[in-house]
Protein backbone atom coordinates (compact mmCIF):
# COMPACT_ATOMS: atom_id res chain seq x y z
CA MET A 1 -0.03 -0.04 -0.01
CA ASP A 2 1.12 3.56 -0.78
CA ASN A 3 2.73 5.04 2.30
CA GLN A 4 0.36 8.05 1.86
CA LEU A 5 -2.55 5.73 2.76
CA VAL A 6 -1.10 4.28 5.97
CA ASN A 7 -2.73 6.84 8.12
CA ILE A 8 -5.84 7.26 6.15
CA LYS A 9 -8.01 7.64 9.21
CA SER A 10 -6.21 10.86 10.12
CA MET A 11 -6.37 12.42 6.75
CA THR A 12 -8.77 14.99 5.45
CA ASP A 13 -11.11 14.25 2.50
CA GLU A 14 -8.88 16.42 0.31
CA GLN A 15 -5.75 14.54 1.33
CA ILE A 16 -7.57 11.18 0.72
CA MET A 17 -8.68 12.37 -2.74
CA LEU A 18 -5.09 13.34 -3.63
CA ALA A 19 -3.66 9.90 -2.34
CA ILE A 20 -6.07 7.77 -4.20
CA GLY A 21 -5.87 9.71 -7.46
CA GLN A 22 -9.39 11.27 -7.22
CA ASP A 23 -7.70 14.66 -7.23
CA ASP A 24 -4.76 14.96 -9.55
CA GLY A 25 -3.40 17.96 -7.76
CA GLY A 26 -4.18 20.32 -10.53
CA THR A 27 -5.27 23.91 -9.69
CA GLU A 28 -8.22 24.18 -12.07
CA ASN A 29 -10.79 23.85 -9.40
CA ASN A 30 -9.17 26.70 -7.43
CA SER A 31 -9.10 29.12 -10.39
CA LEU A 32 -11.54 31.96 -10.38
CA PRO A 33 -13.88 32.80 -13.37
CA ARG A 34 -12.78 35.95 -15.18
CA LEU A 35 -14.74 39.00 -16.21
CA SER A 36 -13.93 40.17 -19.85
CA ILE A 37 -15.39 42.21 -22.64
CA ASN A 38 -16.84 39.97 -25.40
CA ARG A 39 -15.38 40.62 -28.86
CA SER A 40 -16.78 37.49 -30.65
CA PRO A 41 -19.98 38.10 -32.63
CA GLU A 42 -21.05 34.47 -32.37
CA ASP A 43 -20.05 31.26 -30.70
CA ASP A 44 -19.22 27.88 -31.93
CA ASN A 45 -22.91 26.87 -32.06
CA GLY A 46 -23.82 29.90 -34.25
CA ASN A 47 -25.55 31.89 -31.47
CA LYS A 48 -25.33 35.63 -31.94
CA LEU A 49 -23.36 37.22 -29.03
CA PRO A 50 -23.57 40.83 -27.82
CA VAL A 51 -20.30 42.36 -28.80
CA GLY A 52 -18.93 44.87 -26.37
CA HIS A 53 -20.83 43.44 -23.54
CA PHE A 54 -19.20 41.99 -20.39
CA ALA A 55 -18.90 38.17 -20.19
CA ALA A 56 -18.41 35.80 -17.30
CA TYR A 57 -18.57 32.04 -16.85
CA ASP A 58 -21.22 30.98 -14.36
CA SER A 59 -20.12 27.57 -13.11
CA GLU A 60 -23.54 26.93 -11.65
CA ILE A 61 -25.14 26.74 -15.04
CA GLY A 62 -21.97 25.82 -17.06
CA GLN A 63 -22.38 28.81 -19.46
CA VAL A 64 -21.05 32.22 -20.22
CA VAL A 65 -23.37 35.07 -19.22
CA TYR A 66 -23.45 38.39 -21.18
CA GLY A 67 -24.49 41.83 -20.16
CA LYS A 68 -23.87 45.47 -19.30
CA PRO A 69 -23.74 47.32 -17.09
CA VAL A 70 -22.31 45.15 -14.38
CA THR A 71 -21.59 45.88 -10.78
CA LEU A 72 -18.25 44.78 -9.31
CA ARG A 73 -17.56 45.08 -5.55
CA PRO A 74 -13.66 45.16 -5.37
CA PHE A 75 -11.91 43.28 -2.54
CA ILE A 76 -8.23 43.15 -3.72
CA GLY A 77 -6.32 45.23 -6.25
CA ALA A 78 -3.02 43.95 -7.59
CA MET A 79 -0.64 43.84 -10.62
CA GLN A 80 1.11 41.14 -12.61
CA TYR A 81 3.52 41.13 -15.52
CA MET A 82 2.98 38.64 -18.32
CA HIS A 83 4.86 37.71 -21.47
CA PHE A 84 2.67 36.34 -24.35
CA ASP A 85 4.41 34.65 -27.27
CA PRO A 86 2.33 35.05 -30.36
CA ASP A 87 4.26 32.35 -32.22
CA LYS A 88 3.44 29.83 -29.47
CA ASN A 89 0.11 31.38 -28.81
CA GLU A 90 0.66 31.08 -25.09
CA TYR A 91 2.15 32.98 -22.07
CA VAL A 92 5.72 31.89 -21.67
CA ASN A 93 6.49 33.90 -18.55
CA ARG A 94 4.77 35.60 -15.67
CA SER A 95 5.62 37.42 -12.57
CA ILE A 96 4.29 37.05 -9.04
CA ILE A 97 1.25 39.03 -8.26
CA VAL A 98 2.11 42.23 -6.36
CA LYS A 99 -0.06 44.73 -4.54
CA ASN A 100 2.16 47.85 -4.86
CA TRP A 101 4.99 49.04 -7.07
CA LYS A 102 7.60 48.67 -4.33
CA GLU A 103 7.36 44.93 -4.35
CA GLU A 104 9.76 43.12 -6.54
CA ALA A 105 7.85 41.29 -9.21
CA ILE A 106 10.17 38.24 -9.78
CA ASP A 107 9.18 36.04 -12.59
CA MET A 108 9.21 32.30 -13.58
CA LEU A 109 12.40 32.64 -15.77
CA GLY A 110 14.48 34.01 -12.94
CA GLY A 111 14.28 37.75 -13.73
CA THR A 112 11.93 40.52 -12.73
CA LYS A 113 8.87 42.02 -14.55
CA CYS A 114 9.40 39.45 -17.16
CA GLY A 115 12.24 41.61 -18.44
CA LYS A 116 10.09 44.76 -19.04
CA VAL A 117 12.26 47.77 -19.30
CA ALA A 118 11.24 51.30 -18.37
CA TYR A 119 9.88 53.68 -21.06
CA LYS A 120 12.89 55.90 -20.79
CA ASP A 121 15.18 53.11 -21.78
CA LYS A 122 13.30 51.98 -24.87
CA ASP A 123 15.49 53.87 -27.29
CA SER A 124 18.53 51.96 -26.25
CA LEU A 125 16.98 48.69 -27.47
CA SER A 126 17.57 47.13 -30.89
CA PRO A 127 14.55 46.78 -33.26
CA GLU A 128 14.45 43.05 -32.45
CA GLN A 129 14.38 43.77 -28.75
CA GLN A 130 11.77 46.37 -29.16
CA ALA A 131 9.53 43.97 -31.11
CA VAL A 132 9.81 41.43 -28.30
CA GLN A 133 9.18 44.11 -25.71
CA ARG A 134 5.74 44.81 -27.21
CA THR A 135 4.61 41.27 -26.18
CA ILE A 136 5.10 42.00 -22.46
CA ARG A 137 2.38 43.76 -20.51
CA CYS A 138 1.68 44.78 -17.00
CA TYR A 139 -1.97 43.63 -15.98
CA LYS A 140 -4.15 45.25 -13.42
CA LEU A 141 -6.13 42.75 -11.24
CA ILE A 142 -9.32 43.24 -9.35
CA TYR A 143 -10.54 40.37 -7.27
CA GLY A 144 -14.21 41.10 -6.37
CA LEU A 145 -17.88 40.09 -6.34
CA LEU A 146 -19.81 40.48 -9.65
CA SER A 147 -23.46 41.22 -10.07
CA PHE A 148 -25.63 41.96 -13.10
CA ASP A 149 -28.72 40.97 -15.09
CA GLY A 150 -27.77 39.40 -18.45
CA VAL A 151 -28.33 36.79 -20.99
CA LYS A 152 -27.02 33.29 -21.97
CA ALA A 153 -25.71 32.71 -25.42
CA ASP A 154 -29.17 31.53 -26.57
CA GLY A 155 -30.69 34.75 -25.39
CA THR A 156 -32.27 33.39 -22.24
CA LYS A 157 -32.13 35.81 -19.35
CA HIS A 158 -29.95 35.10 -16.48
CA SER A 159 -28.77 36.99 -13.37
CA ILE A 160 -25.58 36.81 -11.57
CA LYS A 161 -25.43 37.80 -7.84
CA ASN A 162 -22.25 38.30 -5.85
CA MET A 163 -20.11 35.84 -7.84
CA PRO A 164 -16.40 35.76 -7.00
CA ILE A 165 -14.54 36.94 -10.03
CA LEU A 166 -11.13 38.07 -11.34
CA TYR A 167 -11.10 41.11 -13.58
CA ARG A 168 -7.79 41.36 -15.38
CA VAL A 169 -6.99 44.19 -17.73
CA THR A 170 -4.18 45.85 -19.62
CA GLY A 171 -3.51 48.30 -22.47
CA THR A 172 -6.30 50.90 -22.77
CA ALA A 173 -8.27 49.43 -19.88
CA PHE A 174 -5.42 49.72 -17.39
CA THR A 175 -5.88 53.45 -16.79
CA PRO A 176 -9.72 53.54 -16.15
CA VAL A 177 -9.49 50.66 -13.65
CA SER A 178 -6.46 52.15 -11.95
CA THR A 179 -8.12 55.56 -11.84
CA ALA A 180 -11.24 54.15 -10.21
CA LEU A 181 -9.29 52.50 -7.43
CA ASP A 182 -7.11 55.52 -6.86
CA LYS A 183 -10.24 57.55 -6.50
CA LEU A 184 -11.45 55.38 -3.62
CA LYS A 185 -7.97 55.75 -2.11
CA LYS A 186 -7.97 59.58 -2.27
CA LEU A 187 -11.48 59.51 -0.68
CA ARG A 188 -10.15 57.24 2.03
CA LYS A 189 -12.74 54.62 1.25
CA LEU A 190 -12.09 50.98 1.73
CA MET A 191 -12.67 49.34 -1.64
CA TYR A 192 -14.82 46.52 -0.35
CA ASN A 193 -17.31 48.99 1.23
CA CYS A 194 -18.03 50.49 -2.24
CA THR A 195 -18.96 49.17 -5.67
CA LEU A 196 -17.96 49.94 -9.32
CA THR A 197 -20.43 50.11 -12.17
CA LEU A 198 -18.85 49.08 -15.40
CA GLU A 199 -20.05 50.05 -18.80
CA THR A 200 -18.19 49.82 -22.14
CA VAL A 201 -17.41 52.46 -24.66
CA ARG A 202 -16.91 51.68 -28.43
CA GLN A 203 -13.65 53.18 -29.84
CA LYS A 204 -12.02 52.96 -33.25
CA LYS A 205 -8.44 53.37 -34.33
CA GLY A 206 -7.75 52.92 -38.03
CA GLY A 207 -9.52 49.85 -39.07
CA ASN A 208 -9.71 48.38 -35.61
CA THR A 209 -12.96 48.73 -33.45
CA PHE A 210 -12.53 47.92 -29.79
CA TYR A 211 -14.29 48.47 -26.44
CA VAL A 212 -12.83 49.95 -23.26
CA PRO A 213 -14.41 49.96 -19.82
CA GLU A 214 -16.05 53.03 -18.46
CA ILE A 215 -16.27 53.06 -14.68
CA THR A 216 -18.46 54.86 -12.11
CA VAL A 217 -17.30 54.74 -8.50
CA ASN A 218 -20.23 54.27 -6.06
CA THR A 219 -18.68 55.51 -2.83
CA ASN A 220 -21.95 55.65 -0.97
CA ALA A 221 -22.74 51.95 -1.03
CA ASN A 222 -21.61 51.58 2.56
CA LEU A 223 -21.42 47.85 2.43
CA GLN A 224 -20.13 46.11 5.49
CA LEU A 225 -17.66 43.27 5.72
CA SER A 226 -19.64 40.18 6.81
CA GLN A 227 -18.34 36.83 7.83
CA THR A 228 -19.20 35.54 4.35
CA ASP A 229 -17.22 38.41 2.94
CA MET A 230 -14.25 37.48 5.11
CA GLU A 231 -14.28 34.00 3.83
CA THR A 232 -14.44 35.33 0.26
CA LEU A 233 -11.52 37.55 0.91
CA ALA A 234 -9.51 34.55 2.14
CA VAL A 235 -10.49 32.68 -1.07
CA PHE A 236 -9.12 35.53 -3.15
CA GLN A 237 -5.81 35.70 -1.14
CA ASP A 238 -5.44 31.86 -1.40
CA SER A 239 -5.74 32.18 -5.07
CA ILE A 240 -2.94 34.88 -5.16
CA ASN A 241 -0.76 32.78 -2.74
CA ALA A 242 -1.13 29.65 -5.04
CA GLU A 243 -0.17 31.70 -8.07
CA ASN A 244 2.80 33.21 -6.38
CA GLU A 245 3.97 30.00 -4.92
CA GLU A 246 4.06 28.48 -8.40
CA VAL A 247 5.93 31.36 -9.73
CA ILE A 248 8.42 31.46 -6.89
CA ALA A 249 9.27 27.81 -7.41
CA SER A 250 9.91 28.29 -11.01
CA TYR A 251 12.00 31.41 -10.25
CA ARG A 252 14.20 29.53 -7.88
CA GLN A 253 14.73 26.72 -10.20
CA ALA A 254 15.59 29.11 -13.07
CA LYS A 255 18.18 30.86 -10.80
CA THR A 256 19.84 27.51 -9.95
CA LYS A 257 20.21 26.86 -13.69
CA GLN A 258 21.73 30.12 -14.64
CA ALA A 259 25.49 29.77 -15.29
CA ASN A 260 28.27 32.28 -14.44
CA GLY A 261 25.85 34.54 -12.55
CA ASP A 262 24.70 36.04 -15.75
CA ASP A 263 21.26 36.99 -14.37
CA ALA A 264 20.83 40.22 -16.13
CA LYS A 265 21.28 38.62 -19.60
CA SER A 266 18.92 35.76 -18.78
CA ALA A 267 16.22 38.11 -17.61
CA GLN A 268 16.31 40.37 -20.64
CA ILE A 269 12.94 39.60 -22.23
CA ILE A 270 10.36 42.33 -23.30
CA ASP A 271 8.12 45.30 -23.01
CA GLU A 272 5.31 46.99 -24.93
CA MET A 273 6.30 50.10 -26.78
CA ASP A 274 2.98 51.79 -27.16
CA ASP A 275 2.65 52.87 -23.50
CA LYS A 276 5.02 53.86 -20.56
CA LEU A 277 5.31 51.47 -17.76
CA PRO A 278 2.12 51.95 -15.50
CA GLU A 279 4.26 52.89 -12.60
CA ASP A 280 5.93 55.56 -14.74
CA VAL A 281 2.69 56.99 -15.77
CA LEU A 282 1.28 57.09 -12.15
CA SER A 283 4.39 58.61 -10.73
CA SER A 284 4.78 61.39 -13.25
C-alpha cells in the first residue's frame, strides 16, 4: 500500500482524494472565473453574441453570461507582468502578483517584471528587442464580487449575484481601472465597502474597433464586511498565494540553472512600446 494511505483515518477528505488519485493535484478547481469584454459576434454553435458586453462564466449553469452594465464590488487590487508569445500562442513567462509598485515582481524565468524595461530606456534597445518588448504587458487585477442581469448565449435571461470573479485588464483598460481604485484611495474609502459600475465604450483606431471600460465609482454603497465576505476575501488571497508559490518555485529553479551569474542577460525579455510602464505614468 502507498505510504500516503497508511494513516488514512487521520487524513482530510482532500488529502485522501489526492492520495487515491481522485484529485490529480491540479489547480483548475481553485481558479476564479474571469470578467472580460466580449469581442466575438457568435459562438461555436452559431448563437449571436452581444459584442462589447461583459462576459463571465457561471459555473452553476456551466455557461457564459453576457450583459452590461455590471456591478463589481472590489476586494483586492493587484498587478502582474505577463509575456505572451504570439508564435506559440501562449504565455511563456509571468511574474508574481504584487499589490504595490515597491514589491519586486520576480518572474518564472529568474528575472523581474518578465524583463520589461522602463519607457525611458526603450531607445537603447535594438529593433528586435523592441519587437519582443511589445509582447510583455503589466496587468491590473481586481478580485471582487460580480452582479448583473444578463443573458446566456441563446438569449435566455440570467442574473448573476455576488459571484467571486477576477477582472484582469491591460492596455487601454489599465488606466480607467487604476483611476477608479485611486479615487477610492483619495477619498479614504475601503474598496470593499464600495462598488464599481462598469459600462463599455466603443472606440475605433484605424480599421480596428474595440471597447474599453467606463467605470463609475459608487462611494455611498456603505457595504459592511460580513463573515461571508471575510471568507471570500480569504479565497481571493489563497488564489494569489497559490499563483505566487508556483511562480516563486519556477524562479528559484531558473536561478539555479543560470550559469556564471549572468542573471541580467537571462532576464532580458520584453516590453510593450505603445505605453510607458504603468508605474512611470502614475508617478509622473
